[in-house]
N, C-alpha and C. Protein backbone atom coordinates (compact mmCIF):
# COMPACT_ATOMS: atom_id res chain seq x y z
N MET A 1 21.98 -94.48 -11.84
CA MET A 1 22.36 -95.67 -11.07
C MET A 1 21.74 -96.91 -11.69
N LYS A 2 22.57 -97.91 -11.93
CA LYS A 2 22.07 -99.16 -12.49
C LYS A 2 21.54 -100.06 -11.39
N GLU A 3 20.36 -100.59 -11.60
CA GLU A 3 19.82 -101.56 -10.67
C GLU A 3 20.18 -102.97 -11.13
N HIS A 4 20.67 -103.77 -10.21
CA HIS A 4 21.08 -105.13 -10.53
C HIS A 4 19.94 -106.11 -10.23
N HIS A 5 20.05 -107.31 -10.79
CA HIS A 5 18.96 -108.27 -10.74
C HIS A 5 19.54 -109.67 -10.50
N LEU A 6 19.06 -110.33 -9.44
CA LEU A 6 19.52 -111.67 -9.08
C LEU A 6 18.38 -112.66 -9.29
N HIS A 7 18.69 -113.75 -10.01
CA HIS A 7 17.68 -114.74 -10.34
C HIS A 7 18.14 -116.11 -9.86
N LEU A 8 17.34 -116.74 -9.01
CA LEU A 8 17.61 -118.10 -8.52
C LEU A 8 16.63 -119.04 -9.20
N ASP A 9 17.15 -119.95 -9.97
CA ASP A 9 16.31 -120.83 -10.79
C ASP A 9 16.42 -122.28 -10.31
N ASN A 10 15.37 -122.71 -9.60
CA ASN A 10 15.27 -124.11 -9.18
C ASN A 10 16.45 -124.54 -8.31
N ILE A 11 16.78 -123.72 -7.31
CA ILE A 11 17.89 -124.05 -6.40
C ILE A 11 17.46 -125.16 -5.45
N ARG A 12 18.25 -126.22 -5.38
CA ARG A 12 17.99 -127.33 -4.48
C ARG A 12 19.29 -127.67 -3.76
N ILE A 13 19.22 -127.81 -2.44
CA ILE A 13 20.40 -128.18 -1.65
C ILE A 13 20.03 -129.34 -0.74
N SER A 14 20.88 -130.38 -0.76
CA SER A 14 20.62 -131.59 0.02
C SER A 14 21.86 -131.98 0.80
N LEU A 15 21.63 -132.72 1.88
CA LEU A 15 22.71 -133.26 2.69
C LEU A 15 22.36 -134.69 3.03
N GLU A 16 23.21 -135.61 2.60
CA GLU A 16 23.00 -137.04 2.86
C GLU A 16 21.60 -137.48 2.41
N ASP A 17 21.26 -137.13 1.17
CA ASP A 17 19.99 -137.51 0.54
C ASP A 17 18.76 -136.85 1.19
N ARG A 18 18.98 -135.90 2.08
CA ARG A 18 17.86 -135.17 2.68
C ARG A 18 17.83 -133.76 2.12
N GLN A 19 16.75 -133.42 1.43
CA GLN A 19 16.66 -132.08 0.86
C GLN A 19 16.46 -131.06 1.96
N LEU A 20 17.33 -130.05 1.97
CA LEU A 20 17.25 -128.99 2.96
C LEU A 20 16.36 -127.84 2.50
N LEU A 21 16.47 -127.49 1.23
CA LEU A 21 15.68 -126.36 0.75
C LEU A 21 15.48 -126.44 -0.76
N ALA A 22 14.45 -125.75 -1.20
CA ALA A 22 14.13 -125.63 -2.62
C ALA A 22 13.60 -124.22 -2.84
N ILE A 23 14.29 -123.45 -3.68
CA ILE A 23 13.94 -122.04 -3.83
C ILE A 23 13.99 -121.61 -5.30
N ASP A 24 12.99 -120.87 -5.70
CA ASP A 24 12.99 -120.13 -6.96
C ASP A 24 12.66 -118.68 -6.60
N ALA A 25 13.44 -117.76 -7.09
CA ALA A 25 13.17 -116.36 -6.73
C ALA A 25 13.86 -115.42 -7.69
N GLU A 26 13.27 -114.24 -7.82
CA GLU A 26 13.90 -113.13 -8.52
C GLU A 26 13.94 -111.95 -7.56
N ILE A 27 15.12 -111.35 -7.44
CA ILE A 27 15.29 -110.21 -6.53
C ILE A 27 15.85 -109.04 -7.34
N ARG A 28 15.11 -107.97 -7.35
CA ARG A 28 15.53 -106.79 -8.10
C ARG A 28 16.34 -105.86 -7.23
N GLY A 29 16.96 -104.88 -7.88
CA GLY A 29 17.80 -103.94 -7.16
C GLY A 29 17.05 -103.22 -6.05
N GLY A 30 17.64 -103.18 -4.86
CA GLY A 30 17.03 -102.52 -3.72
C GLY A 30 16.09 -103.39 -2.94
N GLU A 31 15.76 -104.59 -3.46
CA GLU A 31 14.88 -105.52 -2.75
C GLU A 31 15.70 -106.50 -1.92
N VAL A 32 15.11 -106.96 -0.82
CA VAL A 32 15.76 -107.96 0.03
C VAL A 32 14.80 -109.14 0.20
N LEU A 33 15.24 -110.31 -0.22
CA LEU A 33 14.51 -111.55 0.01
C LEU A 33 14.97 -112.11 1.35
N THR A 34 14.03 -112.41 2.24
CA THR A 34 14.38 -112.97 3.54
C THR A 34 14.08 -114.46 3.56
N VAL A 35 15.07 -115.24 3.99
CA VAL A 35 14.90 -116.69 4.17
C VAL A 35 14.97 -116.97 5.66
N MET A 36 13.86 -117.45 6.21
CA MET A 36 13.77 -117.65 7.66
C MET A 36 13.70 -119.13 8.01
N GLY A 37 14.12 -119.42 9.22
CA GLY A 37 14.03 -120.79 9.70
C GLY A 37 15.02 -121.02 10.82
N PRO A 38 14.84 -122.10 11.57
CA PRO A 38 15.75 -122.41 12.68
C PRO A 38 17.11 -122.88 12.18
N SER A 39 18.04 -123.02 13.09
CA SER A 39 19.38 -123.50 12.73
C SER A 39 19.30 -124.90 12.14
N GLY A 40 20.17 -125.15 11.15
CA GLY A 40 20.27 -126.49 10.59
C GLY A 40 19.37 -126.78 9.41
N VAL A 41 18.62 -125.78 8.92
CA VAL A 41 17.71 -126.05 7.80
C VAL A 41 18.30 -125.64 6.46
N GLY A 42 19.52 -125.12 6.45
CA GLY A 42 20.18 -124.84 5.18
C GLY A 42 20.26 -123.38 4.79
N LYS A 43 19.95 -122.47 5.70
CA LYS A 43 19.95 -121.05 5.35
C LYS A 43 21.34 -120.57 4.94
N SER A 44 22.32 -120.83 5.78
CA SER A 44 23.68 -120.40 5.47
C SER A 44 24.26 -121.19 4.30
N SER A 45 23.82 -122.43 4.12
CA SER A 45 24.28 -123.23 2.98
C SER A 45 23.81 -122.60 1.67
N LEU A 46 22.61 -122.03 1.68
CA LEU A 46 22.12 -121.32 0.50
C LEU A 46 23.05 -120.17 0.14
N LEU A 47 23.42 -119.37 1.13
CA LEU A 47 24.31 -118.25 0.85
C LEU A 47 25.67 -118.74 0.35
N ALA A 48 26.17 -119.81 0.95
CA ALA A 48 27.45 -120.35 0.51
C ALA A 48 27.40 -120.82 -0.95
N TYR A 49 26.28 -121.42 -1.34
CA TYR A 49 26.11 -121.87 -2.72
C TYR A 49 26.10 -120.67 -3.67
N LEU A 50 25.37 -119.64 -3.31
CA LEU A 50 25.29 -118.47 -4.17
C LEU A 50 26.63 -117.75 -4.28
N ALA A 51 27.38 -117.75 -3.19
CA ALA A 51 28.67 -117.05 -3.18
C ALA A 51 29.80 -117.86 -3.80
N GLY A 52 29.59 -119.19 -3.91
CA GLY A 52 30.59 -120.01 -4.58
C GLY A 52 31.53 -120.78 -3.69
N PHE A 53 31.13 -120.99 -2.41
CA PHE A 53 32.03 -121.77 -1.55
C PHE A 53 31.26 -122.78 -0.68
N LEU A 54 30.23 -123.39 -1.26
CA LEU A 54 29.50 -124.43 -0.54
C LEU A 54 30.39 -125.65 -0.35
N ALA A 55 30.41 -126.19 0.87
CA ALA A 55 31.24 -127.36 1.18
C ALA A 55 30.81 -128.56 0.33
N PRO A 56 31.78 -129.37 -0.12
CA PRO A 56 31.46 -130.50 -1.02
C PRO A 56 30.60 -131.58 -0.38
N VAL A 57 30.43 -131.55 0.95
CA VAL A 57 29.58 -132.53 1.60
C VAL A 57 28.11 -132.34 1.21
N PHE A 58 27.77 -131.15 0.73
CA PHE A 58 26.40 -130.87 0.28
C PHE A 58 26.25 -131.18 -1.20
N GLU A 59 25.03 -131.54 -1.60
CA GLU A 59 24.68 -131.66 -3.01
C GLU A 59 23.79 -130.48 -3.38
N ALA A 60 24.12 -129.81 -4.47
CA ALA A 60 23.36 -128.63 -4.85
C ALA A 60 23.16 -128.59 -6.36
N SER A 61 22.03 -128.00 -6.74
CA SER A 61 21.74 -127.84 -8.16
C SER A 61 20.91 -126.57 -8.34
N GLY A 62 20.77 -126.16 -9.57
CA GLY A 62 20.01 -124.95 -9.86
C GLY A 62 20.92 -123.85 -10.38
N LEU A 63 20.34 -122.90 -11.09
CA LEU A 63 21.11 -121.85 -11.75
C LEU A 63 21.03 -120.54 -10.97
N VAL A 64 22.16 -119.86 -10.92
CA VAL A 64 22.24 -118.56 -10.28
C VAL A 64 22.68 -117.55 -11.34
N ARG A 65 21.82 -116.58 -11.61
CA ARG A 65 22.14 -115.56 -12.61
C ARG A 65 22.13 -114.18 -11.96
N LEU A 66 23.15 -113.41 -12.25
CA LEU A 66 23.25 -112.04 -11.76
C LEU A 66 23.39 -111.12 -12.96
N ASP A 67 22.40 -110.26 -13.15
CA ASP A 67 22.34 -109.40 -14.34
C ASP A 67 22.43 -110.22 -15.62
N GLY A 68 21.81 -111.40 -15.59
CA GLY A 68 21.77 -112.26 -16.76
C GLY A 68 22.99 -113.13 -16.96
N VAL A 69 24.01 -112.96 -16.11
CA VAL A 69 25.25 -113.72 -16.24
C VAL A 69 25.19 -114.94 -15.31
N LEU A 70 25.46 -116.12 -15.86
CA LEU A 70 25.43 -117.35 -15.07
C LEU A 70 26.66 -117.41 -14.16
N LEU A 71 26.42 -117.59 -12.86
CA LEU A 71 27.52 -117.59 -11.89
C LEU A 71 28.04 -118.98 -11.54
N ASN A 72 27.29 -120.02 -11.85
CA ASN A 72 27.57 -121.35 -11.30
C ASN A 72 29.01 -121.81 -11.48
N ASP A 73 29.60 -121.56 -12.64
CA ASP A 73 30.95 -122.06 -12.90
C ASP A 73 32.04 -121.03 -12.59
N MET A 74 31.65 -119.89 -12.05
CA MET A 74 32.64 -118.86 -11.71
C MET A 74 33.23 -119.12 -10.32
N PRO A 75 34.52 -118.86 -10.12
CA PRO A 75 35.07 -118.92 -8.76
C PRO A 75 34.48 -117.79 -7.91
N ALA A 76 34.50 -117.96 -6.61
CA ALA A 76 33.85 -117.01 -5.70
C ALA A 76 34.33 -115.58 -5.91
N GLU A 77 35.62 -115.40 -6.13
CA GLU A 77 36.18 -114.05 -6.22
C GLU A 77 35.77 -113.31 -7.48
N GLN A 78 35.17 -114.00 -8.44
CA GLN A 78 34.76 -113.34 -9.68
C GLN A 78 33.24 -113.09 -9.75
N ARG A 79 32.52 -113.44 -8.71
CA ARG A 79 31.06 -113.37 -8.79
C ARG A 79 30.49 -111.98 -8.48
N ASN A 80 31.30 -111.11 -7.89
CA ASN A 80 30.82 -109.77 -7.51
C ASN A 80 29.63 -109.84 -6.56
N VAL A 81 29.71 -110.77 -5.62
CA VAL A 81 28.68 -110.93 -4.60
C VAL A 81 29.29 -110.57 -3.25
N GLY A 82 28.70 -109.59 -2.58
CA GLY A 82 29.21 -109.16 -1.28
C GLY A 82 28.55 -109.91 -0.15
N LEU A 83 29.26 -110.03 0.97
CA LEU A 83 28.76 -110.77 2.13
C LEU A 83 28.81 -109.90 3.37
N LEU A 84 27.74 -109.94 4.17
CA LEU A 84 27.68 -109.23 5.43
C LEU A 84 27.29 -110.25 6.50
N PHE A 85 28.16 -110.38 7.53
CA PHE A 85 27.99 -111.43 8.53
C PHE A 85 27.52 -110.87 9.88
N GLN A 86 27.38 -111.77 10.85
CA GLN A 86 27.02 -111.37 12.22
C GLN A 86 28.05 -110.41 12.79
N ASP A 87 29.31 -110.71 12.57
CA ASP A 87 30.40 -109.85 13.04
C ASP A 87 30.85 -108.95 11.91
N SER A 88 31.30 -107.76 12.25
CA SER A 88 31.72 -106.81 11.23
C SER A 88 32.96 -107.28 10.47
N LEU A 89 33.81 -108.10 11.13
CA LEU A 89 35.00 -108.67 10.51
C LEU A 89 35.92 -107.60 9.91
N LEU A 90 36.05 -106.48 10.60
CA LEU A 90 37.02 -105.49 10.17
C LEU A 90 38.42 -106.01 10.46
N PHE A 91 39.36 -105.70 9.59
CA PHE A 91 40.72 -106.19 9.76
C PHE A 91 41.36 -105.46 10.94
N PRO A 92 41.77 -106.19 11.99
CA PRO A 92 42.31 -105.53 13.19
C PRO A 92 43.67 -104.89 12.97
N HIS A 93 44.41 -105.35 11.94
CA HIS A 93 45.75 -104.81 11.70
C HIS A 93 45.72 -103.57 10.82
N LEU A 94 44.52 -103.17 10.37
CA LEU A 94 44.38 -101.97 9.54
C LEU A 94 43.55 -100.93 10.28
N SER A 95 43.81 -99.68 9.99
CA SER A 95 42.99 -98.60 10.52
C SER A 95 41.61 -98.65 9.87
N VAL A 96 40.71 -97.80 10.36
CA VAL A 96 39.39 -97.70 9.74
C VAL A 96 39.53 -97.33 8.26
N GLY A 97 40.36 -96.33 8.00
CA GLY A 97 40.59 -95.93 6.61
C GLY A 97 41.24 -97.03 5.80
N GLY A 98 42.15 -97.79 6.43
CA GLY A 98 42.80 -98.89 5.75
C GLY A 98 41.83 -99.99 5.37
N ASN A 99 40.85 -100.23 6.23
CA ASN A 99 39.82 -101.21 5.92
C ASN A 99 39.05 -100.80 4.68
N LEU A 100 38.70 -99.52 4.58
CA LEU A 100 37.95 -99.06 3.42
C LEU A 100 38.82 -99.05 2.17
N ARG A 101 40.06 -98.63 2.32
CA ARG A 101 40.98 -98.59 1.18
C ARG A 101 41.18 -99.99 0.60
N PHE A 102 41.21 -100.99 1.46
CA PHE A 102 41.41 -102.37 1.02
C PHE A 102 40.35 -102.80 0.02
N ALA A 103 39.12 -102.28 0.18
CA ALA A 103 38.00 -102.70 -0.67
C ALA A 103 37.97 -102.02 -2.02
N LEU A 104 38.67 -100.91 -2.16
CA LEU A 104 38.57 -100.12 -3.39
C LEU A 104 39.21 -100.85 -4.57
N PRO A 105 38.59 -100.77 -5.73
CA PRO A 105 39.20 -101.36 -6.94
C PRO A 105 40.57 -100.76 -7.21
N ALA A 106 41.44 -101.54 -7.80
CA ALA A 106 42.81 -101.08 -8.07
C ALA A 106 42.82 -99.85 -8.96
N ALA A 107 41.83 -99.72 -9.82
CA ALA A 107 41.81 -98.61 -10.77
C ALA A 107 41.28 -97.30 -10.17
N CYS A 108 40.88 -97.31 -8.90
CA CYS A 108 40.37 -96.10 -8.27
C CYS A 108 41.45 -95.02 -8.29
N PRO A 109 41.22 -93.85 -8.88
CA PRO A 109 42.27 -92.86 -9.10
C PRO A 109 42.77 -92.16 -7.85
N ASP A 110 41.94 -91.86 -6.88
CA ASP A 110 42.35 -91.14 -5.69
C ASP A 110 41.73 -91.81 -4.48
N LYS A 111 42.41 -92.83 -3.99
CA LYS A 111 41.85 -93.66 -2.92
C LYS A 111 41.68 -92.88 -1.63
N ALA A 112 42.61 -91.98 -1.33
CA ALA A 112 42.51 -91.21 -0.09
C ALA A 112 41.25 -90.35 -0.09
N ALA A 113 40.98 -89.71 -1.20
CA ALA A 113 39.78 -88.87 -1.30
C ALA A 113 38.52 -89.71 -1.24
N ARG A 114 38.57 -90.89 -1.86
CA ARG A 114 37.40 -91.77 -1.86
C ARG A 114 37.10 -92.26 -0.45
N VAL A 115 38.14 -92.61 0.31
CA VAL A 115 37.95 -93.05 1.69
C VAL A 115 37.38 -91.92 2.53
N LYS A 116 37.90 -90.72 2.36
CA LYS A 116 37.40 -89.56 3.12
C LYS A 116 35.93 -89.33 2.83
N GLN A 117 35.57 -89.41 1.56
CA GLN A 117 34.17 -89.22 1.15
C GLN A 117 33.28 -90.32 1.74
N ALA A 118 33.79 -91.54 1.72
CA ALA A 118 33.01 -92.67 2.23
C ALA A 118 32.75 -92.53 3.73
N LEU A 119 33.75 -92.10 4.48
CA LEU A 119 33.57 -91.92 5.91
C LEU A 119 32.60 -90.79 6.22
N ALA A 120 32.69 -89.72 5.45
CA ALA A 120 31.76 -88.60 5.66
C ALA A 120 30.33 -89.03 5.40
N SER A 121 30.13 -89.91 4.43
CA SER A 121 28.77 -90.32 4.07
C SER A 121 28.11 -91.17 5.14
N ILE A 122 28.90 -91.73 6.07
CA ILE A 122 28.32 -92.53 7.15
C ILE A 122 28.51 -91.85 8.51
N GLY A 123 28.80 -90.56 8.47
CA GLY A 123 28.91 -89.79 9.71
C GLY A 123 30.16 -90.05 10.51
N LEU A 124 31.22 -90.52 9.86
CA LEU A 124 32.47 -90.84 10.56
C LEU A 124 33.65 -90.07 9.96
N GLU A 125 33.40 -88.83 9.58
CA GLU A 125 34.46 -88.01 9.02
C GLU A 125 35.57 -87.82 10.07
N GLY A 126 36.81 -87.98 9.63
CA GLY A 126 37.95 -87.85 10.53
C GLY A 126 38.33 -89.12 11.26
N PHE A 127 37.65 -90.24 10.94
CA PHE A 127 37.92 -91.51 11.63
C PHE A 127 38.93 -92.39 10.89
N ALA A 128 39.54 -91.89 9.83
CA ALA A 128 40.39 -92.74 8.98
C ALA A 128 41.53 -93.39 9.75
N SER A 129 42.12 -92.69 10.68
CA SER A 129 43.29 -93.22 11.39
C SER A 129 42.92 -94.02 12.63
N ARG A 130 41.65 -94.13 12.94
CA ARG A 130 41.22 -94.81 14.16
C ARG A 130 41.44 -96.31 14.06
N ASP A 131 41.72 -96.93 15.21
CA ASP A 131 41.78 -98.38 15.33
C ASP A 131 40.34 -98.90 15.35
N PRO A 132 40.01 -99.92 14.54
CA PRO A 132 38.63 -100.44 14.54
C PRO A 132 38.15 -100.86 15.93
N GLU A 133 39.07 -101.26 16.81
CA GLU A 133 38.68 -101.71 18.14
C GLU A 133 38.12 -100.57 18.99
N THR A 134 38.39 -99.33 18.61
CA THR A 134 37.90 -98.18 19.38
C THR A 134 36.50 -97.75 18.94
N LEU A 135 35.93 -98.40 17.93
CA LEU A 135 34.61 -98.02 17.44
C LEU A 135 33.51 -98.71 18.24
N SER A 136 32.36 -98.07 18.29
CA SER A 136 31.19 -98.70 18.89
C SER A 136 30.65 -99.77 17.93
N GLY A 137 29.72 -100.57 18.42
CA GLY A 137 29.15 -101.61 17.57
C GLY A 137 28.47 -101.04 16.35
N GLY A 138 27.74 -99.96 16.52
CA GLY A 138 27.07 -99.34 15.39
C GLY A 138 28.04 -98.76 14.38
N GLN A 139 29.12 -98.16 14.89
CA GLN A 139 30.13 -97.60 13.98
C GLN A 139 30.83 -98.70 13.20
N ARG A 140 31.13 -99.81 13.86
CA ARG A 140 31.77 -100.93 13.16
C ARG A 140 30.85 -101.47 12.06
N SER A 141 29.55 -101.56 12.35
CA SER A 141 28.61 -102.05 11.35
C SER A 141 28.55 -101.11 10.15
N ARG A 142 28.61 -99.82 10.40
CA ARG A 142 28.58 -98.84 9.30
C ARG A 142 29.83 -98.97 8.43
N VAL A 143 30.97 -99.12 9.08
CA VAL A 143 32.22 -99.26 8.32
C VAL A 143 32.21 -100.56 7.52
N ALA A 144 31.69 -101.63 8.11
CA ALA A 144 31.63 -102.92 7.41
C ALA A 144 30.77 -102.82 6.16
N LEU A 145 29.61 -102.17 6.28
CA LEU A 145 28.74 -102.02 5.11
C LEU A 145 29.40 -101.13 4.06
N GLN A 146 30.03 -100.05 4.51
CA GLN A 146 30.66 -99.16 3.55
C GLN A 146 31.82 -99.85 2.84
N ARG A 147 32.57 -100.66 3.56
CA ARG A 147 33.66 -101.42 2.92
C ARG A 147 33.09 -102.36 1.87
N LEU A 148 31.98 -103.00 2.17
CA LEU A 148 31.35 -103.88 1.20
C LEU A 148 30.92 -103.10 -0.04
N LEU A 149 30.27 -101.96 0.15
CA LEU A 149 29.78 -101.19 -0.99
C LEU A 149 30.92 -100.64 -1.84
N LEU A 150 32.04 -100.29 -1.20
CA LEU A 150 33.18 -99.77 -1.96
C LEU A 150 33.79 -100.83 -2.87
N SER A 151 33.56 -102.10 -2.56
CA SER A 151 34.09 -103.18 -3.41
C SER A 151 33.25 -103.37 -4.67
N GLU A 152 32.17 -102.58 -4.79
CA GLU A 152 31.30 -102.56 -5.96
C GLU A 152 30.68 -103.93 -6.27
N PRO A 153 29.99 -104.53 -5.28
CA PRO A 153 29.29 -105.79 -5.55
C PRO A 153 28.07 -105.53 -6.41
N ARG A 154 27.54 -106.59 -6.99
CA ARG A 154 26.31 -106.48 -7.78
C ARG A 154 25.14 -107.16 -7.07
N ALA A 155 25.42 -107.80 -5.94
CA ALA A 155 24.39 -108.39 -5.08
C ALA A 155 25.01 -108.56 -3.70
N VAL A 156 24.17 -108.63 -2.68
CA VAL A 156 24.66 -108.74 -1.30
C VAL A 156 23.92 -109.86 -0.57
N LEU A 157 24.68 -110.67 0.15
CA LEU A 157 24.13 -111.74 0.97
C LEU A 157 24.35 -111.38 2.43
N LEU A 158 23.29 -111.49 3.23
CA LEU A 158 23.34 -111.09 4.63
C LEU A 158 23.06 -112.30 5.51
N ASP A 159 24.05 -112.70 6.29
CA ASP A 159 23.95 -113.89 7.13
C ASP A 159 23.76 -113.49 8.59
N GLU A 160 22.50 -113.46 9.05
CA GLU A 160 22.16 -113.05 10.43
C GLU A 160 22.93 -111.77 10.81
N PRO A 161 22.90 -110.72 9.99
CA PRO A 161 23.81 -109.59 10.20
C PRO A 161 23.54 -108.75 11.44
N PHE A 162 22.35 -108.90 12.05
CA PHE A 162 22.02 -108.04 13.18
C PHE A 162 21.88 -108.80 14.50
N SER A 163 22.16 -110.09 14.49
CA SER A 163 21.80 -110.95 15.61
C SER A 163 22.58 -110.64 16.89
N ARG A 164 23.75 -110.03 16.78
CA ARG A 164 24.56 -109.78 17.98
C ARG A 164 24.45 -108.34 18.48
N LEU A 165 23.51 -107.60 17.93
CA LEU A 165 23.31 -106.21 18.34
C LEU A 165 22.16 -106.12 19.34
N ASP A 166 22.26 -105.17 20.28
CA ASP A 166 21.15 -104.98 21.21
C ASP A 166 19.96 -104.36 20.46
N THR A 167 18.82 -104.31 21.12
CA THR A 167 17.58 -103.96 20.44
C THR A 167 17.64 -102.59 19.76
N HIS A 168 18.10 -101.57 20.48
CA HIS A 168 18.14 -100.22 19.92
C HIS A 168 19.10 -100.15 18.74
N LEU A 169 20.29 -100.71 18.93
CA LEU A 169 21.31 -100.66 17.88
C LEU A 169 20.88 -101.50 16.68
N ARG A 170 20.20 -102.58 16.95
CA ARG A 170 19.73 -103.46 15.88
C ARG A 170 18.81 -102.70 14.94
N ARG A 171 17.90 -101.92 15.51
CA ARG A 171 16.96 -101.14 14.70
C ARG A 171 17.70 -100.11 13.85
N GLU A 172 18.65 -99.43 14.47
CA GLU A 172 19.42 -98.40 13.77
C GLU A 172 20.23 -98.98 12.62
N VAL A 173 20.94 -100.07 12.88
CA VAL A 173 21.80 -100.66 11.86
C VAL A 173 20.97 -101.28 10.74
N ARG A 174 19.84 -101.90 11.10
CA ARG A 174 18.94 -102.46 10.08
C ARG A 174 18.53 -101.38 9.08
N GLU A 175 18.06 -100.26 9.60
CA GLU A 175 17.61 -99.17 8.73
C GLU A 175 18.75 -98.69 7.83
N PHE A 176 19.94 -98.60 8.42
CA PHE A 176 21.11 -98.13 7.66
C PHE A 176 21.46 -99.10 6.53
N VAL A 177 21.47 -100.39 6.84
CA VAL A 177 21.85 -101.40 5.85
C VAL A 177 20.84 -101.46 4.72
N PHE A 178 19.56 -101.55 5.03
CA PHE A 178 18.55 -101.66 3.98
C PHE A 178 18.48 -100.41 3.12
N ALA A 179 18.65 -99.24 3.75
CA ALA A 179 18.68 -98.00 2.98
C ALA A 179 19.89 -97.96 2.05
N GLY A 180 21.02 -98.48 2.54
CA GLY A 180 22.24 -98.51 1.71
C GLY A 180 22.08 -99.41 0.50
N LEU A 181 21.46 -100.56 0.67
CA LEU A 181 21.25 -101.47 -0.45
C LEU A 181 20.29 -100.86 -1.47
N LYS A 182 19.25 -100.21 -0.95
CA LYS A 182 18.28 -99.59 -1.85
C LYS A 182 18.92 -98.46 -2.64
N ALA A 183 19.71 -97.63 -1.97
CA ALA A 183 20.37 -96.50 -2.64
C ALA A 183 21.34 -96.97 -3.70
N ALA A 184 21.99 -98.12 -3.45
CA ALA A 184 22.97 -98.65 -4.39
C ALA A 184 22.34 -99.51 -5.48
N GLY A 185 21.03 -99.77 -5.39
CA GLY A 185 20.35 -100.59 -6.40
C GLY A 185 20.77 -102.04 -6.38
N LEU A 186 21.05 -102.57 -5.17
CA LEU A 186 21.57 -103.93 -5.05
C LEU A 186 20.50 -104.91 -4.56
N PRO A 187 20.35 -106.05 -5.21
CA PRO A 187 19.48 -107.09 -4.67
C PRO A 187 20.14 -107.75 -3.47
N GLY A 188 19.35 -108.11 -2.47
CA GLY A 188 19.91 -108.75 -1.28
C GLY A 188 19.14 -109.99 -0.90
N ILE A 189 19.85 -110.94 -0.29
CA ILE A 189 19.21 -112.11 0.31
C ILE A 189 19.69 -112.17 1.75
N MET A 190 18.75 -112.17 2.68
CA MET A 190 19.08 -112.20 4.10
C MET A 190 18.55 -113.49 4.72
N VAL A 191 19.38 -114.18 5.47
CA VAL A 191 18.91 -115.30 6.26
C VAL A 191 18.86 -114.87 7.72
N THR A 192 17.78 -115.25 8.39
CA THR A 192 17.59 -114.84 9.78
C THR A 192 16.55 -115.74 10.42
N HIS A 193 16.50 -115.70 11.74
CA HIS A 193 15.41 -116.38 12.46
C HIS A 193 14.54 -115.35 13.16
N ASP A 194 14.81 -114.06 12.91
CA ASP A 194 14.13 -112.98 13.61
C ASP A 194 13.04 -112.35 12.73
N ALA A 195 11.80 -112.40 13.20
CA ALA A 195 10.68 -111.86 12.42
C ALA A 195 10.78 -110.35 12.24
N GLU A 196 11.37 -109.65 13.19
CA GLU A 196 11.51 -108.20 13.07
C GLU A 196 12.49 -107.83 11.95
N ASP A 197 13.54 -108.64 11.78
CA ASP A 197 14.46 -108.42 10.66
C ASP A 197 13.70 -108.55 9.34
N ALA A 198 12.89 -109.59 9.24
CA ALA A 198 12.14 -109.82 8.01
C ALA A 198 11.16 -108.69 7.74
N GLU A 199 10.49 -108.22 8.79
CA GLU A 199 9.54 -107.12 8.62
C GLU A 199 10.25 -105.86 8.16
N ALA A 200 11.42 -105.59 8.75
CA ALA A 200 12.17 -104.39 8.38
C ALA A 200 12.68 -104.44 6.95
N ALA A 201 12.98 -105.64 6.47
CA ALA A 201 13.47 -105.79 5.09
C ALA A 201 12.38 -105.45 4.08
N ALA A 202 11.12 -105.65 4.48
CA ALA A 202 9.96 -105.25 3.67
C ALA A 202 9.92 -105.91 2.29
N GLY A 203 10.40 -107.14 2.23
CA GLY A 203 10.37 -107.87 0.97
C GLY A 203 9.71 -109.23 1.14
N ARG A 204 9.87 -110.06 0.12
CA ARG A 204 9.31 -111.41 0.17
C ARG A 204 10.01 -112.23 1.26
N VAL A 205 9.25 -113.09 1.94
CA VAL A 205 9.81 -113.95 2.99
C VAL A 205 9.57 -115.41 2.61
N ILE A 206 10.62 -116.21 2.67
CA ILE A 206 10.51 -117.66 2.47
C ILE A 206 10.80 -118.33 3.80
N GLN A 207 9.83 -119.12 4.26
CA GLN A 207 9.97 -119.81 5.54
C GLN A 207 10.40 -121.26 5.31
N LEU A 208 11.52 -121.64 5.88
CA LEU A 208 12.01 -123.02 5.73
C LEU A 208 11.59 -123.84 6.93
């Protein structure tokens, strides 16, 4: 398994001449950098900049390298950066299996078998034909992460991914997500305002 490496070099983001954040960091495969702070300090703007869709109202500078490749001038769809949000954002018009199939690269030789294997690996064997609306919150989170991993990202950005889960489910999904990133050798950056999320990530924490 190849471990990927994300390097943030002198990242600066400003809004109306007010600097929101300044970050330098290196994140290795399986590590999660946590960026904490209240709403409005630029946490989500950082993720948008890294992913390639920061709104033009912001001013941003600094280099983003993934496995040594400079991402700054690449369009978002070519960066191989996965995103995990507060909501699972499963496609309601597709089955559970259809959601996973959507993420698979076009060159995947046997998509049906790959989807079956992916569902079995998250304890949802036989769920391919299910409507996503029939899943529990934890099951939806598992499918969302698996869909992301099937798209073969080289880094993952997590935007308050556990904030809408109750306490018990939050702990379960957190463990699942961080273990998945570690197993896949993916560097992650998580923005949150929750200290327990940061503790569970077990990585460097930047407080804004």
